[in-house]
Protein backbone atom coordinates (compact mmCIF):
# COMPACT_ATOMS: atom_id res chain seq x y z
CA UNK A 1 -20.89 2.86 23.10
CA UNK A 2 -17.60 4.53 21.75
CA UNK A 3 -16.70 1.35 19.59
CA UNK A 4 -20.05 1.42 17.97
CA UNK A 5 -19.79 5.26 17.11
CA UNK A 6 -16.11 4.69 15.71
CA UNK A 7 -17.08 1.94 13.68
CA UNK A 8 -20.27 3.72 12.33
CA UNK A 9 -18.19 6.93 11.54
CA UNK A 10 -15.58 4.76 9.66
CA UNK A 11 -18.23 2.90 7.65
CA UNK A 12 -20.02 6.22 6.87
CA UNK A 13 -17.06 7.88 5.62
CA UNK A 14 -16.19 4.75 3.49
CA UNK A 15 -19.78 4.57 1.97
CA UNK A 16 -19.67 8.54 1.35
CA UNK A 17 -16.40 8.34 -0.53
CA UNK A 18 -17.15 5.33 -2.78
CA UNK A 19 -17.56 5.81 -6.41
CA UNK A 20 -21.49 5.54 -6.31
CA UNK A 21 -21.89 8.99 -5.01
CA UNK A 22 -25.09 8.02 -3.22
CA UNK A 23 -24.28 9.56 0.12
CA UNK A 24 -25.53 6.75 2.24
CA UNK A 25 -25.80 7.81 6.10
CA UNK A 26 -25.06 4.91 8.69
CA UNK A 27 -27.18 5.39 11.73
CA UNK A 28 -25.53 3.78 14.89
CA UNK A 29 -27.27 0.91 16.32
CA UNK A 30 -26.64 -1.53 19.29
CA UNK A 31 -24.33 -4.24 18.22
CA UNK A 32 -25.83 -6.68 21.08
CA UNK A 33 -28.70 -8.71 19.74
CA UNK A 34 -31.87 -7.89 17.97
CA UNK A 35 -33.82 -4.82 19.03
CA UNK A 36 -37.59 -4.22 17.87
CA UNK A 37 -36.27 -1.65 15.36
CA UNK A 38 -34.73 -4.52 13.39
CA UNK A 39 -37.83 -6.73 13.55
CA UNK A 40 -39.96 -7.23 10.48
CA UNK A 41 -42.96 -5.25 10.43
CA UNK A 42 -45.23 -8.51 10.13
CA UNK A 43 -43.37 -10.02 13.01
CA UNK A 44 -45.75 -11.37 15.83
CA UNK A 45 -45.14 -11.64 19.72
CA UNK A 46 -47.29 -13.53 22.07
CA UNK A 47 -47.52 -13.24 25.89
CA UNK A 48 -46.93 -16.47 27.86
CA UNK A 49 -49.54 -18.19 29.53
CA UNK A 50 -48.86 -19.87 32.97
CA UNK A 51 -50.39 -22.77 34.58
CA UNK A 52 -50.37 -23.35 38.55
CA UNK A 53 -47.14 -25.43 37.95
CA UNK A 54 -45.41 -23.19 35.64
CA UNK A 55 -45.05 -19.79 37.33
CA UNK A 56 -43.67 -16.72 35.56
CA UNK A 57 -39.99 -15.76 36.17
CA UNK A 58 -40.13 -12.01 37.51
CA UNK A 59 -37.58 -9.40 37.65
CA UNK A 60 -38.53 -5.96 39.32
CA UNK A 61 -36.32 -3.13 38.65
CA UNK A 62 -35.88 -0.10 40.94
CA UNK A 63 -37.03 -2.67 43.59
CA UNK A 64 -35.68 -0.70 46.79
CA UNK A 65 -38.26 2.05 46.14
CA UNK A 66 -41.67 2.50 47.77
CA UNK A 67 -43.27 -0.32 46.07
CA UNK A 68 -40.74 -3.05 44.98
CA UNK A 69 -39.98 -4.59 48.09
CA UNK A 70 -43.76 -4.98 48.93
CA UNK A 71 -44.47 -6.29 45.52
CA UNK A 72 -41.79 -8.96 45.67
CA UNK A 73 -43.14 -10.18 48.82
CA UNK A 74 -46.64 -10.42 47.37
CA UNK A 75 -45.30 -12.20 44.09
CA UNK A 76 -42.94 -14.67 46.18
CA UNK A 77 -45.85 -15.81 48.11
CA UNK A 78 -47.92 -16.34 45.00
CA UNK A 79 -45.15 -17.80 42.57
CA UNK A 80 -42.63 -18.96 44.83
CA UNK A 81 -39.40 -17.31 46.44
CA UNK A 82 -36.83 -18.15 43.74
CA UNK A 83 -39.00 -17.08 40.90
CA UNK A 84 -38.88 -13.36 41.78
CA UNK A 85 -35.78 -11.29 41.49
CA UNK A 86 -35.55 -7.97 43.18
CA UNK A 87 -32.88 -5.32 41.74
CA UNK A 88 -31.67 -2.04 42.16
CA UNK A 89 -28.44 -0.14 42.00
CA UNK A 90 -28.39 0.44 45.95
CA UNK A 91 -27.20 -1.87 48.75
CA UNK A 92 -30.19 -3.54 50.15
CA UNK A 93 -31.02 -3.81 53.93
CA UNK A 94 -30.27 -7.29 55.50
CA UNK A 95 -33.90 -8.33 55.84
CA UNK A 96 -34.44 -7.61 52.03
CA UNK A 97 -31.43 -9.30 51.00
CA UNK A 98 -31.95 -12.37 52.80
CA UNK A 99 -35.70 -12.46 52.00
CA UNK A 100 -35.17 -13.62 48.48
CA UNK A 101 -33.20 -13.18 45.19
CA UNK A 102 -31.52 -9.83 44.76
CA UNK A 103 -29.34 -8.62 42.12
CA UNK A 104 -27.56 -5.25 40.86
CA UNK A 105 -29.24 -4.05 37.84
CA UNK A 106 -28.74 -0.60 36.23
CA UNK A 107 -31.47 0.09 33.84
CA UNK A 108 -29.00 2.37 31.92
CA UNK A 109 -26.70 -0.55 31.13
CA UNK A 110 -28.53 -2.27 28.28
CA UNK A 111 -26.07 -5.27 28.01
CA UNK A 112 -26.08 -5.91 31.87
CA UNK A 113 -29.93 -5.82 31.89
CA UNK A 114 -30.22 -8.03 28.84
CA UNK A 115 -27.88 -10.61 30.54
CA UNK A 116 -29.88 -10.64 33.58
CA UNK A 117 -33.07 -11.37 31.52
CA UNK A 118 -31.52 -14.14 29.62
CA UNK A 119 -29.60 -15.70 32.21
CA UNK A 120 -32.67 -15.89 34.72
CA UNK A 121 -35.09 -16.81 32.14
CA UNK A 122 -37.34 -13.84 32.96
CA UNK A 123 -40.76 -13.85 31.57
CA UNK A 124 -42.45 -11.09 33.43
CA UNK A 125 -40.62 -7.56 34.20
CA UNK A 126 -41.91 -4.79 36.48
CA UNK A 127 -39.99 -1.57 35.65
CA UNK A 128 -40.44 0.62 38.65
CA UNK A 129 -37.00 2.44 38.24
CA UNK A 130 -38.00 6.24 38.23
CA UNK A 131 -37.17 9.74 39.76
CA UNK A 132 -40.13 11.06 41.30
CA UNK A 133 -41.79 14.45 40.87
CA UNK A 134 -40.11 16.87 43.27
CA UNK A 135 -36.76 15.05 42.79
CA UNK A 136 -37.03 14.93 39.15
CA UNK A 137 -37.47 18.72 38.96
CA UNK A 138 -34.19 19.23 41.03
CA UNK A 139 -32.29 17.26 38.52
CA UNK A 140 -33.87 17.06 35.06
CA UNK A 141 -31.07 15.63 33.16
CA UNK A 142 -30.92 12.65 35.59
CA UNK A 143 -34.60 12.14 35.40
CA UNK A 144 -34.54 12.36 31.75
CA UNK A 145 -31.93 9.50 31.57
CA UNK A 146 -33.53 7.35 34.16
CA UNK A 147 -36.93 7.82 33.14
CA UNK A 148 -36.88 7.78 29.46
CA UNK A 149 -33.55 6.32 28.40
CA UNK A 150 -34.06 3.69 30.85
CA UNK A 151 -37.45 2.87 29.65
CA UNK A 152 -36.24 2.41 26.00
CA UNK A 153 -33.83 0.07 27.16
CA UNK A 154 -36.49 -1.93 29.01
CA UNK A 155 -38.82 -1.86 26.10
CA UNK A 156 -36.35 -3.13 23.55
CA UNK A 157 -35.29 -6.02 25.90
CA UNK A 158 -38.95 -6.82 26.69
CA UNK A 159 -40.05 -6.93 23.11
CA UNK A 160 -36.81 -9.15 21.97
CA UNK A 161 -37.49 -11.57 24.63
CA UNK A 162 -41.24 -11.67 24.70
CA UNK A 163 -41.84 -10.54 28.28
CA UNK A 164 -44.98 -9.25 29.83
CA UNK A 165 -44.11 -5.87 30.80
CA UNK A 166 -45.70 -3.66 33.63
CA UNK A 167 -44.80 -0.06 33.66
CA UNK A 168 -46.58 2.15 36.22
CA UNK A 169 -47.83 5.53 35.44
CA UNK A 170 -49.25 8.16 37.90
CA UNK A 171 -51.51 10.98 38.62
CA UNK A 172 -48.50 13.10 37.29
CA UNK A 173 -49.14 12.13 33.86
CA UNK A 174 -51.86 14.67 33.70
CA UNK A 175 -51.44 18.39 33.44
CA UNK A 176 -53.48 21.64 34.32
CA UNK A 177 -55.52 21.33 31.15
CA UNK A 178 -56.77 17.83 32.11
CA UNK A 179 -60.16 17.47 33.52
CA UNK A 180 -59.54 17.20 37.23
CA UNK A 181 -62.73 16.08 38.70
CA UNK A 182 -63.07 13.23 37.80
CA UNK A 183 -60.01 12.59 35.27
CA UNK A 184 -60.97 9.92 32.70
CA UNK A 185 -58.51 7.22 31.32
CA UNK A 186 -58.24 9.08 27.97
CA UNK A 187 -58.19 12.84 27.92
CA UNK A 188 -55.82 15.78 27.31
CA UNK A 189 -52.89 15.33 29.45
CA UNK A 190 -49.88 18.00 28.88
CA UNK A 191 -48.11 17.53 32.13
CA UNK A 192 -45.50 20.30 33.21
CA UNK A 193 -43.01 18.09 34.98
CA UNK A 194 -40.12 15.95 33.68
CA UNK A 195 -41.74 13.22 35.90
CA UNK A 196 -45.07 13.60 34.12
CA UNK A 197 -43.72 13.91 30.78
CA UNK A 198 -41.75 10.82 31.21
CA UNK A 199 -44.79 8.86 32.35
CA UNK A 200 -46.87 10.03 29.27
CA UNK A 201 -43.88 8.88 27.11
CA UNK A 202 -43.89 5.37 28.73
CA UNK A 203 -47.81 5.04 28.33
CA UNK A 204 -47.55 6.00 24.53
CA UNK A 205 -44.39 4.10 23.91
CA UNK A 206 -45.73 0.96 25.66
CA UNK A 207 -48.81 1.12 23.78
CA UNK A 208 -47.00 1.66 20.47
CA UNK A 209 -44.72 -1.41 21.10
CA UNK A 210 -47.86 -3.42 21.96
CA UNK A 211 -49.69 -2.40 18.57
CA UNK A 212 -46.42 -2.48 16.62
CA UNK A 213 -44.38 -5.41 17.82
CA UNK A 214 -47.40 -7.27 19.82
CA UNK A 215 -45.49 -6.57 23.12
CA UNK A 216 -47.80 -7.44 26.19
CA UNK A 217 -47.58 -4.15 27.67
CA UNK A 218 -49.66 -3.20 30.86
CA UNK A 219 -49.85 0.07 32.78
CA UNK A 220 -51.50 1.58 35.75
CA UNK A 221 -51.83 5.23 36.65
CA UNK A 222 -51.27 5.11 40.37
CA UNK A 223 -52.79 7.64 42.73
CA UNK A 224 -50.56 8.80 45.65
CA UNK A 225 -49.42 5.61 47.33
CA UNK A 226 -49.22 5.48 51.21
CA UNK A 227 -47.38 2.72 53.01
CA UNK A 228 -46.05 2.63 56.51
CA UNK A 229 -42.76 0.31 55.61
CA UNK A 230 -40.83 2.93 53.46
CA UNK A 231 -39.80 6.43 53.88
CA UNK A 232 -40.99 9.27 51.63
CA UNK A 233 -39.06 9.21 48.47
CA UNK A 234 -39.27 13.00 46.95
CA UNK A 235 -42.83 12.79 45.64
CA UNK A 236 -45.52 15.48 46.02
CA UNK A 237 -47.81 13.27 47.91
CA UNK A 238 -45.33 12.45 50.45
CA UNK A 239 -47.11 14.49 53.11
CA UNK A 240 -49.49 11.78 53.52
CA UNK A 241 -47.00 9.49 54.74
CA UNK A 242 -44.79 11.86 56.62
CA UNK A 243 -47.90 12.76 58.90
CA UNK A 244 -47.94 9.30 60.40
CA UNK A 245 -44.47 9.31 61.15
CA UNK A 246 -44.49 12.82 62.97
CA UNK A 247 -47.63 12.17 64.80
CA UNK A 248 -45.72 9.21 66.74
CA UNK A 249 -42.38 10.81 67.01
CA UNK A 250 -43.08 14.46 67.58
CA UNK A 251 -46.74 15.12 67.94
CA UNK A 252 -46.13 17.97 65.48
CA UNK A 253 -46.54 17.87 61.63
CA UNK A 254 -45.84 20.65 59.17
CA UNK A 255 -47.30 20.05 55.78
CA UNK A 256 -45.86 21.44 52.57
CA UNK A 257 -49.39 21.66 50.72
CA UNK A 258 -52.23 23.96 51.19
CA UNK A 259 -54.88 22.31 53.64
CA UNK A 260 -57.61 22.17 50.72
CA UNK A 261 -55.41 20.35 48.22
CA UNK A 262 -57.39 17.40 47.11
CA UNK A 263 -55.59 14.47 45.55
CA UNK A 264 -56.49 10.77 44.80
CA UNK A 265 -54.74 8.38 47.23
CA UNK A 266 -54.45 4.58 47.85
CA UNK A 267 -52.96 2.27 50.53
CA UNK A 268 -49.90 0.31 49.34
CA UNK A 269 -51.99 -3.02 49.88
CA UNK A 270 -54.59 -1.91 47.26
CA UNK A 271 -52.05 -0.75 44.79
CA UNK A 272 -49.93 -4.06 44.91
CA UNK A 273 -53.27 -6.03 44.58
CA UNK A 274 -54.19 -4.09 41.60
CA UNK A 275 -50.77 -4.57 39.92
CA UNK A 276 -50.83 -8.30 40.27
CA UNK A 277 -54.57 -8.39 39.13
CA UNK A 278 -54.05 -6.46 35.84
CA UNK A 279 -50.91 -8.77 35.17
CA UNK A 280 -52.82 -11.81 35.50
CA UNK A 281 -55.98 -10.62 33.74
CA UNK A 282 -56.38 -12.45 30.40
CA UNK A 283 -55.28 -10.39 27.42
CA UNK A 284 -58.76 -10.54 25.81
CA UNK A 285 -60.17 -8.78 28.82
CA UNK A 286 -58.24 -5.71 28.50
CA UNK A 287 -59.95 -2.93 26.27
CA UNK A 288 -56.81 -0.65 26.63
CA UNK A 289 -53.13 -0.83 27.91
CA UNK A 290 -53.27 1.90 30.33
CA UNK A 291 -55.84 2.21 33.06
CA UNK A 292 -56.50 4.65 36.11
CA UNK A 293 -57.25 3.03 39.60
CA UNK A 294 -58.46 4.74 42.51
CA UNK A 295 -59.58 4.23 45.99
CA UNK A 296 -59.98 7.44 47.86
CA UNK A 297 -59.52 11.24 47.59
CA UNK A 298 -58.75 13.62 50.37
CA UNK A 299 -57.05 16.86 51.37
CA UNK A 300 -54.36 17.43 54.04
CA UNK A 301 -56.90 18.80 56.32
CA UNK A 302 -59.33 15.86 56.06
CA UNK A 303 -56.39 13.43 56.75
CA UNK A 304 -54.96 15.38 59.59
CA UNK A 305 -58.54 15.38 61.24
CA UNK A 306 -58.75 11.57 60.72
CA UNK A 307 -55.28 11.31 62.36
CA UNK A 308 -56.24 13.24 65.28
CA UNK A 309 -58.87 10.81 66.12
CA UNK A 310 -55.97 8.65 67.01
CA UNK A 311 -53.51 11.27 68.18
CA UNK A 312 -55.61 14.22 69.48
CA UNK A 313 -52.71 16.18 70.56
CA UNK A 314 -51.16 16.25 66.94
CA UNK A 315 -50.38 19.96 66.00
CA UNK A 316 -50.76 20.65 62.28
CA UNK A 317 -49.15 23.71 60.45
CA UNK A 318 -48.72 24.56 56.91
CA UNK A 319 -45.47 25.82 55.20
CA UNK A 320 -46.32 25.53 51.36
CA UNK A 321 -43.66 24.44 49.23
CA UNK A 322 -44.54 26.53 45.80
CA UNK A 323 -42.93 23.80 43.60
CA UNK A 324 -44.84 20.99 45.10
CA UNK A 325 -48.06 23.09 45.45
CA UNK A 326 -47.81 23.91 41.76
CA UNK A 327 -47.38 20.30 40.79
CA UNK A 328 -50.40 19.27 42.96
CA UNK A 329 -52.45 22.08 41.68
CA UNK A 330 -51.98 20.41 37.91
CA UNK A 331 -52.96 16.90 39.02
CA UNK A 332 -56.29 15.20 39.16
CA UNK A 333 -58.42 15.65 42.29
CA UNK A 334 -60.48 12.41 41.56
CA UNK A 335 -59.68 9.38 39.32
CA UNK A 336 -62.49 7.89 37.05
CA UNK A 337 -61.25 4.20 37.23
CA UNK A 338 -64.54 2.83 35.68
CA UNK A 339 -62.78 0.83 33.01
CA UNK A 340 -60.58 -0.89 35.43
CA UNK A 341 -63.47 -2.03 37.48
CA UNK A 342 -65.48 -3.20 34.38
CA UNK A 343 -62.59 -5.05 32.37
CA UNK A 344 -60.66 -6.83 34.91
CA UNK A 345 -62.75 -6.41 38.33
CA UNK A 346 -60.68 -3.94 40.06
CA UNK A 347 -62.05 -3.24 43.79
CA UNK A 348 -60.43 -1.39 46.37
CA UNK A 349 -60.37 -2.42 50.01
CA UNK A 350 -59.14 0.78 51.95
CA UNK A 351 -60.86 3.78 52.55
CA UNK A 352 -59.71 6.92 54.71
CA UNK A 353 -60.81 5.51 58.06
CA UNK A 354 -59.37 2.07 57.30
CA UNK A 355 -56.14 3.49 55.92
CA UNK A 356 -55.36 5.69 59.29
CA UNK A 357 -56.19 2.66 61.51
CA UNK A 358 -53.89 0.43 59.47
CA UNK A 359 -51.04 2.83 59.30
CA UNK A 360 -51.08 3.44 63.17
CA UNK A 361 -51.35 -0.21 63.75
CA UNK A 362 -48.39 -1.08 61.76
CA UNK A 363 -46.17 2.15 62.88
CA UNK A 364 -47.57 2.04 66.30
CA UNK A 365 -46.24 -1.52 67.05
CA UNK A 366 -42.97 -0.70 65.45
CA UNK A 367 -42.71 2.33 67.74
CA UNK A 368 -43.48 0.52 70.84
CA UNK A 369 -40.82 -2.29 69.89
CA UNK A 370 -38.48 0.34 69.28
CA UNK A 371 -39.09 1.65 72.72
CA UNK A 372 -38.78 -1.56 74.33
CA UNK A 373 -35.36 -2.21 72.63
């Protein structure tokens, strides 16, 4: 904020030129409301408990990405259509816009985001705004702004207004020195992408705000997420979505990872179910604030073989993208999610055969409808 900086400089010059000679420096701070940096060290926040008749008021940032629309649908079914607000900086499709409340929200605009929380009496915030791995490497400054600065805005607002905050993490939060098979909840991470670095930062900042300010922060490390109702969005695991579209449209698929690249994966319904379950879990059941969750683990070759059971004529070739391959080689091959299964009863529903059958059932019906039209 230019005005804040100007005022800060003026006050600093005034103090430094005063007769006391103490050379006090003034640090610029937001002039809007109270942030956690201004909260007393013994301040205490408590998460809100909800009865069946008193549902949470939910805001989803970055809601037009792969997960936001599906999450909004799930939460609206559970909490009521008017209690779940989807937001993004892009224009939504008509079916999304008319399916429930949608507003423009830029996470880099602190004042606007704070007004949304206050005016809509938000109590739960799902923060999905982020640039994914491959896209982030192509535009590091933008990824740093969205993934880190945007997170800071959300953390401040969530702590100030006593929100229950969910921030997703990912397999990308691990690096080449992490144990890969399996990868436990707590181990060396050291990612080598701005996406991964920003996710480790989110995990640690969220846990710090929890222990320092009592923020009810909850986080899941997602594996690669596969869904039929969204297009690939620039992630390293996008091949596992693209293969289904190409199998139906052209019968030919070119994979940008090596055929033996094993990564943990999950069908979107399992992902959304886990997200709701961890948000509804009693605080006393959580032994940690960031959990791995897993469902299956496969290679491009194994996925292609399962797809070919449905589309035998599918031709698969490999043209390795060195950037994405390097990213994938630094990620876990299998997730150890025993803590999530023990603490709040996590259990997945979809393995590889069920995943492939479900994807073709969804995309195949869509394709037939399109051809009929």
